[in-house]
């Protein structure tokens, strides 16, 4: 068996048939609906036919069934605007207020604005995500928010979307603190731009209503696997199968079809693969904010921590008109993923970014290396369309099968297969730790430019530099021993490969929760949390806190948060270095 064998067996026709079946016979796959159950059953049928060990998990999830809404412009003119209630919005028969434009709806957009008791108007983009826009508006005392769609200035599509910040089913704490309790609706970009212009001219008053059935509904999650029994390494492959009203071809019928086809092909070669696969089709992504994937992480914690080599997510591949591959990974997978993608896409531009907590990226706390990617648009096109990186039709009734490019879908399948091949067959996992070590050292050095009494960051920078040197040695050893095994190897090389694989997994478990989460291993950051976009999220406020009045309550309370964040990072780097020294000694 070779990669060429795999690529020859991956069928674009099989994949397209799945997409046609899902979009034509199971549209409007809202989590908790009859169609969502039918989608779960179709997944079971498909995985069973492929010969995989298939399971369903039935449970209650906090989801939402939002309904059409209305916005009425009252002054300086009068007209009615079509709208959609956003998932988990508070319901209201009608609320009236002055409208204040807040740009992208980020925290910085509220500077100098008093929105208490007022309705806010924001841009619907991922800067920040809808959930965070609603959360920030709620915290600032806004009584409701209207979000205008992205796309160019002629886009009349009315968006769907959710505003539930709490990631997964909430805990008692996140139910109280991360569930914005205000009405939120989405409107077309054409209408939003008109409202924005009126706001810039003078006082604007609007009225809106919103209706959403929010509650605990029965959900079904489907998983399938082969050769992933306890103690055997495996790859976790996943994507969401619920969707908004309409066909929702790109989001995520196409991703589901890719998962089904790739699982089938690799299952056919299970006896020749040194590692197994677990495929998860998640439910409660759209209106529940990643319920199934976070539940899977909680329920499968032990074997994920001990044996899962990576999480690979497939969401919204092959959008029409796209021309650039947007690649997202944790720091340890960057070099591998870029190389493997380049082998397939050739000269196509690749835009790499540290993976942020979006999609069903519920596995940072577990400490999994992660990779996802899909084709998108050029930077110029994205800017011109108000950051519509996933197409103007995203999360609207317009997401039909014509928004998919079949040739690009075939390319995506080849890219994904190449990722899987490398992860499943490399005798030594293809991760590199010097990049993450360098980013720890650089970020900590940047923070150390600020001074907070009693908090010693200089020694943490030293630990990061120490780990950086050790990580360079590890990467060199991994490359050397990988080549020896591939060239025939012997018992020593197989022993070394085992040691290297174990330390790589261990380092990811230690470092990914620190590098990529604010809350740490045993919780989930809320969706769109602004800190989470940066390296070492828990320390993001550090420079700001350094500028606070030392006698203020604000400084005193944030000092506690920062010293604890510092200690988490220090311990992680110390532990990673100590474990790495032990393995390097054994490899001498």
Protein backbone atom coordinates (compact mmCIF):
# COMPACT_ATOMS: atom_id res chain seq x y z
CA UNK A 1 0.00 0.00 0.00
CA UNK A 2 1.15 3.52 -0.81
CA UNK A 3 -0.27 7.03 -0.78
CA UNK A 4 -0.92 6.66 -4.50
CA UNK A 5 -3.12 3.65 -3.76
CA UNK A 6 -5.13 5.72 -1.30
CA UNK A 7 -5.48 8.65 -3.68
CA UNK A 8 -6.66 6.37 -6.50
CA UNK A 9 -9.37 4.87 -4.29
CA UNK A 10 -10.76 8.16 -2.98
CA UNK A 11 -13.81 8.77 -5.16
CA UNK A 12 -15.14 12.24 -5.94
CA UNK A 13 -18.27 10.57 -7.36
CA UNK A 14 -18.99 8.75 -4.09
CA UNK A 15 -18.43 11.97 -2.18
CA UNK A 16 -20.71 13.97 -4.48
CA UNK A 17 -23.47 11.38 -4.15
CA UNK A 18 -23.35 11.82 -0.37
CA UNK A 19 -23.67 15.58 -0.81
CA UNK A 20 -26.61 15.23 -3.18
CA UNK A 21 -28.38 12.85 -0.82
CA UNK A 22 -27.87 15.07 2.22
CA UNK A 23 -28.84 18.35 0.55
CA UNK A 24 -31.81 16.95 -1.37
CA UNK A 25 -33.37 14.56 1.13
CA UNK A 26 -32.17 15.86 4.54
CA UNK A 27 -32.13 19.66 4.32
CA UNK A 28 -32.58 21.89 7.39
CA UNK A 29 -30.69 19.68 9.84
CA UNK A 30 -31.27 21.74 12.99
CA UNK A 31 -29.95 19.93 16.07
CA UNK A 32 -32.86 18.30 17.89
CA UNK A 33 -35.09 18.15 14.79
CA UNK A 34 -36.38 15.05 13.00
CA UNK A 35 -34.00 15.75 10.12
CA UNK A 36 -31.01 15.87 12.44
CA UNK A 37 -31.94 12.38 13.61
CA UNK A 38 -32.26 11.25 9.99
CA UNK A 39 -28.80 12.67 9.30
CA UNK A 40 -27.37 10.71 12.24
CA UNK A 41 -29.03 7.56 10.92
CA UNK A 42 -27.61 8.14 7.44
CA UNK A 43 -24.16 8.45 8.96
CA UNK A 44 -24.64 5.15 10.82
CA UNK A 45 -25.77 3.44 7.62
CA UNK A 46 -22.80 4.80 5.66
CA UNK A 47 -20.18 3.89 8.26
CA UNK A 48 -21.67 0.42 8.76
CA UNK A 49 -21.56 -0.18 5.01
CA UNK A 50 -17.86 0.73 5.11
CA UNK A 51 -17.27 -1.96 7.76
CA UNK A 52 -16.49 0.34 10.66
CA UNK A 53 -17.48 -0.12 14.30
CA UNK A 54 -20.28 2.44 14.57
CA UNK A 55 -21.84 3.91 17.69
CA UNK A 56 -24.51 6.46 18.53
CA UNK A 57 -24.69 8.52 21.69
CA UNK A 58 -28.11 9.91 22.58
CA UNK A 59 -28.29 12.72 25.14
CA UNK A 60 -29.91 16.07 25.88
CA UNK A 61 -28.37 19.25 24.54
CA UNK A 62 -29.20 22.91 25.11
CA UNK A 63 -30.13 24.02 21.59
CA UNK A 64 -32.34 26.61 19.93
CA UNK A 65 -35.00 26.84 17.25
CA UNK A 66 -34.98 30.50 16.18
CA UNK A 67 -37.76 31.97 14.05
CA UNK A 68 -38.08 34.85 11.57
CA UNK A 69 -37.90 38.30 13.13
CA UNK A 70 -38.73 41.88 12.18
CA UNK A 71 -36.89 45.17 12.53
CA UNK A 72 -38.83 48.40 12.10
CA UNK A 73 -37.06 51.67 11.46
CA UNK A 74 -38.99 54.34 13.35
CA UNK A 75 -36.90 57.49 12.88
CA UNK A 76 -35.64 59.37 10.92
CA UNK A 77 -37.80 57.41 8.44
CA UNK A 78 -40.12 54.46 8.62
CA UNK A 79 -39.86 51.05 7.01
CA UNK A 80 -39.85 47.36 7.88
CA UNK A 81 -36.77 45.14 7.55
CA UNK A 82 -36.77 41.34 7.22
CA UNK A 83 -34.68 39.62 9.89
CA UNK A 84 -33.88 36.24 11.44
CA UNK A 85 -33.74 35.67 15.18
CA UNK A 86 -30.33 34.33 16.15
CA UNK A 87 -30.08 31.05 18.02
CA UNK A 88 -30.39 31.39 21.82
CA UNK A 89 -31.61 34.97 21.50
CA UNK A 90 -33.93 36.17 24.22
CA UNK A 91 -37.48 36.39 22.86
CA UNK A 92 -39.44 39.61 22.83
CA UNK A 93 -42.78 40.69 21.40
CA UNK A 94 -41.18 44.04 20.76
CA UNK A 95 -38.44 46.28 22.07
CA UNK A 96 -37.76 49.86 21.04
CA UNK A 97 -34.66 51.97 21.44
CA UNK A 98 -32.01 54.21 19.99
CA UNK A 99 -29.66 52.42 17.57
CA UNK A 100 -25.88 52.76 18.06
CA UNK A 101 -23.42 51.46 15.44
CA UNK A 102 -20.54 49.55 17.08
CA UNK A 103 -18.51 48.39 14.09
CA UNK A 104 -17.31 44.82 14.41
CA UNK A 105 -18.70 44.65 17.94
CA UNK A 106 -15.33 44.04 19.61
CA UNK A 107 -14.51 45.45 23.04
CA UNK A 108 -12.48 48.26 21.51
CA UNK A 109 -15.48 49.38 19.43
CA UNK A 110 -17.30 50.42 22.60
CA UNK A 111 -14.69 52.93 23.71
CA UNK A 112 -16.36 56.31 24.17
CA UNK A 113 -19.84 54.88 23.60
CA UNK A 114 -22.57 54.53 26.22
CA UNK A 115 -24.89 51.80 24.94
CA UNK A 116 -26.77 51.17 28.18
CA UNK A 117 -30.46 50.85 27.39
CA UNK A 118 -29.78 51.10 23.65
CA UNK A 119 -29.89 48.73 20.70
CA UNK A 120 -26.54 48.11 19.00
CA UNK A 121 -25.78 47.48 15.32
CA UNK A 122 -22.70 45.38 14.46
CA UNK A 123 -20.97 43.80 11.47
CA UNK A 124 -21.50 40.06 11.17
CA UNK A 125 -17.96 38.70 10.86
CA UNK A 126 -15.54 36.56 12.82
CA UNK A 127 -13.80 39.63 14.19
CA UNK A 128 -15.06 38.76 16.75
CA UNK A 129 -17.60 35.95 16.25
CA UNK A 130 -21.35 36.53 16.68
CA UNK A 131 -21.29 34.92 20.09
CA UNK A 132 -18.67 37.34 21.39
CA UNK A 133 -20.41 40.35 19.82
CA UNK A 134 -23.56 39.45 21.72
CA UNK A 135 -21.61 38.76 24.91
CA UNK A 136 -19.84 42.13 24.78
CA UNK A 137 -23.06 44.01 23.97
CA UNK A 138 -24.76 42.28 26.91
CA UNK A 139 -21.92 43.15 29.28
CA UNK A 140 -22.06 46.80 28.18
CA UNK A 141 -25.79 47.04 28.92
CA UNK A 142 -27.15 46.99 25.38
CA UNK A 143 -30.81 45.90 25.38
CA UNK A 144 -30.64 44.16 21.97
CA UNK A 145 -28.31 43.74 19.02
CA UNK A 146 -28.83 43.76 15.26
CA UNK A 147 -26.07 42.10 13.22
CA UNK A 148 -25.76 42.95 9.51
CA UNK A 149 -24.59 40.19 7.18
CA UNK A 150 -21.21 40.14 5.49
CA UNK A 151 -20.67 40.13 1.71
CA UNK A 152 -20.47 43.03 -0.72
CA UNK A 153 -22.79 46.02 -0.48
CA UNK A 154 -25.40 44.34 -2.73
CA UNK A 155 -25.82 41.19 -0.58
CA UNK A 156 -29.50 40.73 0.29
CA UNK A 157 -29.10 37.33 2.02
CA UNK A 158 -30.54 37.33 5.55
CA UNK A 159 -28.20 35.43 7.89
CA UNK A 160 -28.82 32.68 10.40
CA UNK A 161 -26.49 32.23 13.34
CA UNK A 162 -26.15 31.56 17.05
CA UNK A 163 -25.17 33.82 19.96
CA UNK A 164 -24.62 31.13 22.62
CA UNK A 165 -21.17 31.88 24.04
CA UNK A 166 -20.94 28.92 26.42
CA UNK A 167 -18.96 26.20 24.61
CA UNK A 168 -20.84 22.89 24.68
CA UNK A 169 -23.52 22.09 27.21
CA UNK A 170 -23.08 24.70 29.94
CA UNK A 171 -21.87 24.15 33.48
CA UNK A 172 -23.76 25.92 36.30
CA UNK A 173 -21.16 28.69 36.11
CA UNK A 174 -21.18 29.19 32.32
CA UNK A 175 -24.98 29.00 32.26
CA UNK A 176 -24.92 32.05 34.51
CA UNK A 177 -22.00 33.97 33.00
CA UNK A 178 -21.72 33.00 29.32
CA UNK A 179 -25.31 33.06 28.05
CA UNK A 180 -26.11 36.61 26.87
CA UNK A 181 -29.71 37.40 27.78
CA UNK A 182 -30.66 39.92 25.10
CA UNK A 183 -32.62 39.69 21.82
CA UNK A 184 -30.35 39.38 18.77
CA UNK A 185 -31.34 39.34 15.12
CA UNK A 186 -29.55 39.18 11.77
CA UNK A 187 -30.38 41.34 8.74
CA UNK A 188 -29.15 41.64 5.15
CA UNK A 189 -26.02 43.66 4.48
CA UNK A 190 -27.93 46.03 2.20
CA UNK A 191 -30.26 46.92 5.08
CA UNK A 192 -27.46 47.10 7.61
CA UNK A 193 -25.48 49.56 5.54
CA UNK A 194 -28.53 51.81 5.28
CA UNK A 195 -28.95 51.75 9.05
CA UNK A 196 -25.24 52.42 9.54
CA UNK A 197 -25.41 55.48 7.28
CA UNK A 198 -28.42 56.82 9.18
CA UNK A 199 -26.59 56.30 12.51
CA UNK A 200 -23.67 58.33 11.19
CA UNK A 201 -26.01 61.18 10.28
CA UNK A 202 -27.92 61.46 13.55
CA UNK A 203 -30.30 59.79 15.97
CA UNK A 204 -31.92 56.54 14.80
CA UNK A 205 -34.69 54.66 16.59
CA UNK A 206 -35.76 51.14 15.83
CA UNK A 207 -38.18 48.49 17.07
CA UNK A 208 -37.59 44.77 16.78
CA UNK A 209 -39.09 41.46 17.81
CA UNK A 210 -37.34 38.11 18.22
CA UNK A 211 -38.54 34.58 18.91
CA UNK A 212 -36.45 31.51 19.74
CA UNK A 213 -37.42 28.21 21.37
CA UNK A 214 -34.38 27.56 23.59
CA UNK A 215 -34.27 24.36 25.58
CA UNK A 216 -32.91 20.89 26.22
CA UNK A 217 -33.65 18.63 23.26
CA UNK A 218 -32.66 15.03 22.41
CA UNK A 219 -29.55 14.85 20.23
CA UNK A 220 -27.70 11.99 18.56
CA UNK A 221 -23.95 11.91 17.92
CA UNK A 222 -22.52 9.34 15.50
CA UNK A 223 -19.00 7.95 15.72
CA UNK A 224 -17.25 5.17 13.84
CA UNK A 225 -13.82 3.67 14.25
CA UNK A 226 -11.37 0.95 13.45
CA UNK A 227 -8.32 -0.29 15.33
CA UNK A 228 -8.56 2.43 17.96
CA UNK A 229 -8.88 0.21 20.99
CA UNK A 230 -7.30 1.33 24.25
CA UNK A 231 -3.52 1.47 24.06
CA UNK A 232 -3.35 1.83 20.27
CA UNK A 233 -2.64 5.18 18.69
CA UNK A 234 -5.38 6.69 16.54
CA UNK A 235 -6.35 9.80 14.59
CA UNK A 236 -9.57 11.63 15.45
CA UNK A 237 -11.36 12.84 12.31
CA UNK A 238 -14.43 15.04 12.75
CA UNK A 239 -16.90 17.63 11.51
CA UNK A 240 -20.44 18.76 12.32
CA UNK A 241 -23.55 17.27 10.70
CA UNK A 242 -26.24 19.68 11.92
CA UNK A 243 -27.02 22.80 9.92
CA UNK A 244 -29.26 25.82 9.43
CA UNK A 245 -32.43 25.84 7.30
CA UNK A 246 -31.94 24.97 3.65
CA UNK A 247 -29.51 22.59 1.94
CA UNK A 248 -26.38 24.08 3.60
CA UNK A 249 -24.21 22.39 1.00
CA UNK A 250 -20.85 23.85 2.00
CA UNK A 251 -21.71 23.91 5.71
CA UNK A 252 -21.34 21.06 6.25
CA UNK A 253 -22.79 18.52 3.83
CA UNK A 254 -19.52 18.68 1.89
CA UNK A 255 -17.39 18.15 5.00
CA UNK A 256 -19.54 15.23 6.15
CA UNK A 257 -19.26 13.61 2.72
CA UNK A 258 -15.46 13.94 2.81
CA UNK A 259 -15.31 12.32 6.25
CA UNK A 260 -17.49 9.42 5.08
CA UNK A 261 -15.44 8.80 1.94
CA UNK A 262 -12.02 9.12 3.59
CA UNK A 263 -13.11 6.82 6.41
CA UNK A 264 -14.24 4.22 3.86
CA UNK A 265 -10.98 4.25 1.94
CA UNK A 266 -8.67 4.09 4.95
CA UNK A 267 -10.86 1.39 6.53
CA UNK A 268 -10.19 -0.74 3.44
CA UNK A 269 -6.48 -0.69 4.39
CA UNK A 270 -6.83 -1.01 8.14
CA UNK A 271 -4.64 -4.13 8.29
CA UNK A 272 -1.77 -2.22 6.70
CA UNK A 273 -1.96 0.89 8.88
CA UNK A 274 0.03 1.20 12.13
CA UNK A 275 -2.60 3.50 13.63
CA UNK A 276 -6.39 3.55 13.76
CA UNK A 277 -9.09 6.12 13.09
CA UNK A 278 -12.06 7.46 15.03
CA UNK A 279 -14.51 9.46 12.91
CA UNK A 280 -16.99 11.73 14.67
CA UNK A 281 -19.97 13.50 13.13
CA UNK A 282 -20.89 16.10 15.70
CA UNK A 283 -24.41 17.29 16.55
CA UNK A 284 -25.27 20.60 18.24
CA UNK A 285 -22.59 22.63 16.48
CA UNK A 286 -24.70 25.48 15.09
CA UNK A 287 -27.42 26.11 17.67
CA UNK A 288 -25.66 24.42 20.58
CA UNK A 289 -22.09 25.71 20.15
CA UNK A 290 -20.11 22.49 19.83
CA UNK A 291 -22.11 20.27 22.16
CA UNK A 292 -21.15 16.87 20.73
CA UNK A 293 -17.43 17.43 20.20
CA UNK A 294 -17.00 18.82 23.72
CA UNK A 295 -19.06 15.92 25.09
CA UNK A 296 -16.87 13.47 23.18
CA UNK A 297 -13.77 15.08 24.70
CA UNK A 298 -15.21 14.72 28.20
CA UNK A 299 -16.43 11.14 27.77
CA UNK A 300 -13.28 9.90 26.01
CA UNK A 301 -10.76 11.87 28.04
CA UNK A 302 -8.61 8.91 29.10
CA UNK A 303 -8.04 7.35 25.71
CA UNK A 304 -7.72 10.71 23.95
CA UNK A 305 -5.00 11.73 26.41
CA UNK A 306 -3.16 8.42 26.16
CA UNK A 307 -3.45 7.51 22.49
CA UNK A 308 -4.91 10.16 20.18
CA UNK A 309 -2.21 11.53 17.87
CA UNK A 310 -4.23 14.48 16.51
CA UNK A 311 -7.64 15.94 15.76
CA UNK A 312 -8.34 16.65 12.10
CA UNK A 313 -11.42 18.74 11.37
CA UNK A 314 -13.24 19.04 8.04
CA UNK A 315 -15.68 21.92 7.70
CA UNK A 316 -16.81 23.80 4.57
CA UNK A 317 -14.43 22.51 1.90
CA UNK A 318 -14.53 23.47 -1.79
CA UNK A 319 -16.46 26.75 -1.75
CA UNK A 320 -16.93 28.08 -5.26
CA UNK A 321 -14.67 30.88 -6.42
CA UNK A 322 -12.04 30.17 -3.77
CA UNK A 323 -8.39 30.28 -4.77
CA UNK A 324 -6.23 30.23 -1.61
CA UNK A 325 -5.76 27.38 0.86
CA UNK A 326 -6.37 28.56 4.42
CA UNK A 327 -4.57 26.21 6.79
CA UNK A 328 -5.05 26.19 10.57
CA UNK A 329 -2.97 24.11 12.99
CA UNK A 330 -1.59 24.04 16.47
CA UNK A 331 2.05 25.15 16.54
CA UNK A 332 3.44 21.61 16.68
CA UNK A 333 1.81 20.63 13.36
CA UNK A 334 2.61 23.71 11.28
CA UNK A 335 5.63 22.44 9.35
CA UNK A 336 4.10 19.03 8.59
CA UNK A 337 0.73 20.45 7.50
CA UNK A 338 2.27 23.09 5.25
CA UNK A 339 4.54 20.53 3.58
CA UNK A 340 1.75 17.98 3.11
CA UNK A 341 -0.61 20.61 1.71
CA UNK A 342 2.03 21.98 -0.67
CA UNK A 343 2.63 18.47 -2.06
CA UNK A 344 -0.96 18.47 -3.34
CA UNK A 345 -1.85 22.09 -4.15
CA UNK A 346 1.41 22.97 -5.88
CA UNK A 347 1.80 26.72 -6.44
CA UNK A 348 -1.55 27.67 -4.91
CA UNK A 349 -1.10 30.28 -2.14
CA UNK A 350 -1.23 28.77 1.36
CA UNK A 351 -2.28 31.03 4.21
CA UNK A 352 -1.23 29.41 7.52
CA UNK A 353 -2.57 30.59 10.88
CA UNK A 354 -2.35 29.26 14.42
CA UNK A 355 -5.60 27.42 14.96
CA UNK A 356 -8.06 29.38 17.03
CA UNK A 357 -11.00 28.03 18.95
CA UNK A 358 -13.59 27.90 16.20
CA UNK A 359 -15.41 25.15 14.41
CA UNK A 360 -15.50 22.07 16.61
CA UNK A 361 -12.05 22.67 18.07
CA UNK A 362 -13.06 21.23 21.45
CA UNK A 363 -9.78 19.41 22.03
CA UNK A 364 -7.26 22.08 23.05
CA UNK A 365 -7.84 21.28 26.71
CA UNK A 366 -7.16 17.59 26.08
CA UNK A 367 -3.88 18.70 24.53
CA UNK A 368 -4.33 17.36 21.02
CA UNK A 369 -2.35 18.56 18.04
CA UNK A 370 -4.96 19.91 15.61
CA UNK A 371 -5.25 20.58 11.89
CA UNK A 372 -8.01 21.92 9.68
CA UNK A 373 -8.17 23.78 6.40
CA UNK A 374 -10.21 24.72 3.38
CA UNK A 375 -9.94 26.91 0.34
CA UNK A 376 -11.03 30.52 0.71
CA UNK A 377 -10.53 33.83 -1.05
CA UNK A 378 -7.68 36.26 -1.50
CA UNK A 379 -7.10 38.88 1.17
CA UNK A 380 -8.38 41.54 -1.23
CA UNK A 381 -11.63 39.65 -1.87
CA UNK A 382 -12.15 39.05 1.85
CA UNK A 383 -11.67 42.72 2.66
CA UNK A 384 -13.98 43.79 -0.18
CA UNK A 385 -16.77 41.56 1.10
CA UNK A 386 -16.68 42.60 4.77
CA UNK A 387 -14.60 39.53 5.76
CA UNK A 388 -16.86 37.00 3.98
CA UNK A 389 -14.16 34.35 3.99
CA UNK A 390 -16.72 31.54 3.67
CA UNK A 391 -18.84 33.06 0.92
CA UNK A 392 -21.61 35.64 1.00
CA UNK A 393 -24.15 32.80 1.26
CA UNK A 394 -22.68 31.38 4.48
CA UNK A 395 -25.36 30.66 7.11
CA UNK A 396 -28.20 31.62 4.78
CA UNK A 397 -30.89 29.90 2.74
CA UNK A 398 -28.70 30.57 -0.32
CA UNK A 399 -26.18 27.85 0.65
CA UNK A 400 -27.16 25.52 -2.19
CA UNK A 401 -25.16 22.86 -4.01
CA UNK A 402 -24.12 25.32 -6.72
CA UNK A 403 -21.93 26.97 -4.06
CA UNK A 404 -19.70 23.88 -4.22
CA UNK A 405 -16.97 23.36 -6.81
CA UNK A 406 -16.60 19.67 -7.67
CA UNK A 407 -13.01 19.99 -8.92
CA UNK A 408 -12.00 21.85 -5.77
CA UNK A 409 -13.72 19.16 -3.70
CA UNK A 410 -11.52 16.54 -5.40
CA UNK A 411 -8.46 18.64 -4.50
CA UNK A 412 -9.60 18.90 -0.87
CA UNK A 413 -10.01 15.13 -0.68
CA UNK A 414 -6.42 14.69 -1.89
CA UNK A 415 -5.11 17.21 0.63
CA UNK A 416 -7.00 15.58 3.50
CA UNK A 417 -5.89 12.10 2.42
CA UNK A 418 -2.27 13.27 2.39
CA UNK A 419 -2.59 14.67 5.91
CA UNK A 420 -4.11 11.40 7.10
CA UNK A 421 -1.48 9.32 5.34
CA UNK A 422 1.34 11.21 7.02
CA UNK A 423 -0.25 11.03 10.44
CA UNK A 424 -1.22 7.36 10.21
CA UNK A 425 1.95 5.93 8.66
CA UNK A 426 4.94 7.96 9.84
CA UNK A 427 6.95 5.72 12.18
CA UNK A 428 7.79 8.85 14.19
CA UNK A 429 5.02 11.41 14.39
CA UNK A 430 5.79 14.36 12.08
CA UNK A 431 5.59 17.09 14.71
CA UNK A 432 8.16 19.77 15.48
CA UNK A 433 8.44 21.52 18.83
CA UNK A 434 10.98 24.22 18.19
CA UNK A 435 8.31 26.49 16.60
CA UNK A 436 6.08 26.37 19.68
CA UNK A 437 9.13 26.83 21.94
CA UNK A 438 10.18 29.91 19.98
CA UNK A 439 6.67 31.35 20.23
CA UNK A 440 6.57 30.77 23.97
CA UNK A 441 9.93 32.54 24.38
CA UNK A 442 8.97 35.42 22.08
CA UNK A 443 5.59 35.99 23.68
CA UNK A 444 6.91 35.84 27.21
CA UNK A 445 9.77 38.20 26.32
CA UNK A 446 7.21 40.64 24.94
CA UNK A 447 5.17 40.50 28.14
CA UNK A 448 8.33 40.87 30.22
CA UNK A 449 8.73 44.36 28.76
CA UNK A 450 5.92 45.34 31.15
CA UNK A 451 6.44 45.23 34.89
CA UNK A 452 4.01 44.08 37.55
CA UNK A 453 5.36 44.10 41.14
CA UNK A 454 5.82 40.64 42.57
CA UNK A 455 5.44 38.79 39.26
CA UNK A 456 8.69 37.38 37.91
CA UNK A 457 8.36 36.73 34.18
CA UNK A 458 12.10 36.84 33.51
CA UNK A 459 12.61 33.38 35.00
CA UNK A 460 9.75 32.05 32.86
CA UNK A 461 11.45 33.46 29.77
CA UNK A 462 14.59 31.56 30.84
CA UNK A 463 12.56 28.35 31.10
CA UNK A 464 11.16 28.95 27.63
CA UNK A 465 14.67 29.42 26.22
CA UNK A 466 15.81 26.25 27.98
CA UNK A 467 12.90 24.35 26.46
CA UNK A 468 13.66 25.84 23.04
CA UNK A 469 17.13 24.32 23.06
CA UNK A 470 15.81 20.94 24.11
CA UNK A 471 13.04 21.11 21.50
CA UNK A 472 15.62 21.66 18.76
CA UNK A 473 17.40 18.49 19.90
CA UNK A 474 14.11 16.58 19.91
CA UNK A 475 13.24 17.68 16.38
CA UNK A 476 16.67 16.60 15.14
CA UNK A 477 16.36 13.22 16.85
CA UNK A 478 12.86 12.72 15.44
CA UNK A 479 14.02 13.42 11.88
CA UNK A 480 17.05 11.16 12.22
CA UNK A 481 15.26 8.17 13.72
CA UNK A 482 12.31 8.52 11.33
CA UNK A 483 14.69 8.13 8.40
CA UNK A 484 16.38 5.12 10.02
CA UNK A 485 13.06 3.32 10.48
CA UNK A 486 11.91 4.14 6.95
CA UNK A 487 15.19 2.77 5.60
CA UNK A 488 14.68 -0.59 7.24
CA UNK A 489 15.56 0.09 10.84
CA UNK A 490 16.24 -2.39 13.60
CA UNK A 491 15.11 -3.00 17.16
CA UNK A 492 16.97 0.09 18.40
CA UNK A 493 15.26 2.32 15.86
CA UNK A 494 11.83 0.90 16.70
CA UNK A 495 12.49 1.46 20.39
CA UNK A 496 13.58 5.02 19.66
CA UNK A 497 10.47 5.61 17.55
CA UNK A 498 8.27 4.48 20.43
CA UNK A 499 10.05 6.82 22.84
CA UNK A 500 9.78 9.73 20.43
CA UNK A 501 6.09 9.17 19.79
CA UNK A 502 5.39 9.02 23.50
CA UNK A 503 7.26 12.23 24.28
CA UNK A 504 5.63 14.06 21.38
CA UNK A 505 2.15 13.19 22.65
CA UNK A 506 3.19 14.10 26.17
CA UNK A 507 4.53 17.49 25.10
CA UNK A 508 1.32 18.31 23.24
CA UNK A 509 -0.73 17.38 26.31
CA UNK A 510 1.36 19.77 28.43
CA UNK A 511 1.79 22.68 26.02
CA UNK A 512 -1.35 22.96 23.87
CA UNK A 513 -3.65 23.84 26.82
CA UNK A 514 -1.24 26.61 27.83
CA UNK A 515 -0.51 27.90 24.32
CA UNK A 516 -4.11 27.82 23.09
CA UNK A 517 -6.59 28.22 25.98
CA UNK A 518 -7.41 30.78 28.63
CA UNK A 519 -9.30 28.43 30.93
CA UNK A 520 -6.87 25.48 30.86
CA UNK A 521 -7.30 21.73 30.41
CA UNK A 522 -10.53 21.05 32.26
CA UNK A 523 -12.92 23.58 30.77
CA UNK A 524 -13.80 25.26 27.49
CA UNK A 525 -13.18 28.90 26.60
CA UNK A 526 -16.35 30.64 25.48
CA UNK A 527 -16.82 30.90 21.73
CA UNK A 528 -15.03 33.90 20.25
CA UNK A 529 -13.12 34.75 23.45
CA UNK A 530 -10.83 37.57 22.30
CA UNK A 531 -7.80 36.33 24.27
CA UNK A 532 -7.96 32.93 22.61
CA UNK A 533 -6.72 34.29 19.30
CA UNK A 534 -3.27 34.94 20.78
CA UNK A 535 -0.40 32.84 22.08
CA UNK A 536 -0.72 32.06 25.82
CA UNK A 537 -4.29 33.42 26.13
CA UNK A 538 -4.29 33.49 29.94
CA UNK A 539 -1.54 36.15 29.93
CA UNK A 540 -3.03 38.41 27.26
CA UNK A 541 -4.15 41.09 29.80
CA UNK A 542 -0.65 41.31 31.31
CA UNK A 543 0.52 44.56 29.63
CA UNK A 544 -2.82 46.24 30.34
CA UNK A 545 -2.74 45.22 34.00
CA UNK A 546 0.79 46.64 34.28
CA UNK A 547 -0.65 50.06 33.51
CA UNK A 548 -3.38 50.02 36.16
CA UNK A 549 -3.29 52.21 39.27
CA UNK A 550 -1.53 50.02 41.85
CA UNK A 551 -3.98 51.03 44.60
CA UNK A 552 -7.11 50.22 42.59
CA UNK A 553 -9.30 47.19 43.14
CA UNK A 554 -8.98 46.48 39.42
CA UNK A 555 -5.21 46.10 39.76
CA UNK A 556 -5.44 43.99 42.92
CA UNK A 557 -7.88 41.48 41.44
CA UNK A 558 -6.13 41.24 38.09
CA UNK A 559 -2.80 40.78 39.89
CA UNK A 560 -4.18 37.53 41.29
CA UNK A 561 -5.24 36.37 37.83
CA UNK A 562 -1.86 37.22 36.32
CA UNK A 563 0.30 35.56 38.98
CA UNK A 564 -1.72 32.38 38.63
CA UNK A 565 -1.44 32.49 34.85
CA UNK A 566 2.32 33.01 35.20
CA UNK A 567 2.58 29.99 37.48
CA UNK A 568 0.67 27.78 35.04
CA UNK A 569 3.06 28.68 32.23
CA UNK A 570 6.15 28.25 34.41
CA UNK A 571 5.06 24.81 35.58
CA UNK A 572 4.20 23.66 32.06
CA UNK A 573 7.56 24.69 30.64
CA UNK A 574 9.45 23.13 33.54
CA UNK A 575 7.53 19.87 33.23
CA UNK A 576 7.99 19.77 29.45
CA UNK A 577 11.75 20.34 29.76
CA UNK A 578 12.19 17.72 32.47
CA UNK A 579 10.30 15.07 30.50
CA UNK A 580 12.22 15.93 27.36
CA UNK A 581 15.58 15.66 29.11
CA UNK A 582 14.71 12.17 30.27
CA UNK A 583 13.89 10.99 26.76
CA UNK A 584 16.92 12.65 25.17
CA UNK A 585 19.14 10.91 27.71
CA UNK A 586 17.65 7.56 26.71
CA UNK A 587 18.25 8.28 23.03
CA UNK A 588 21.97 9.02 23.46
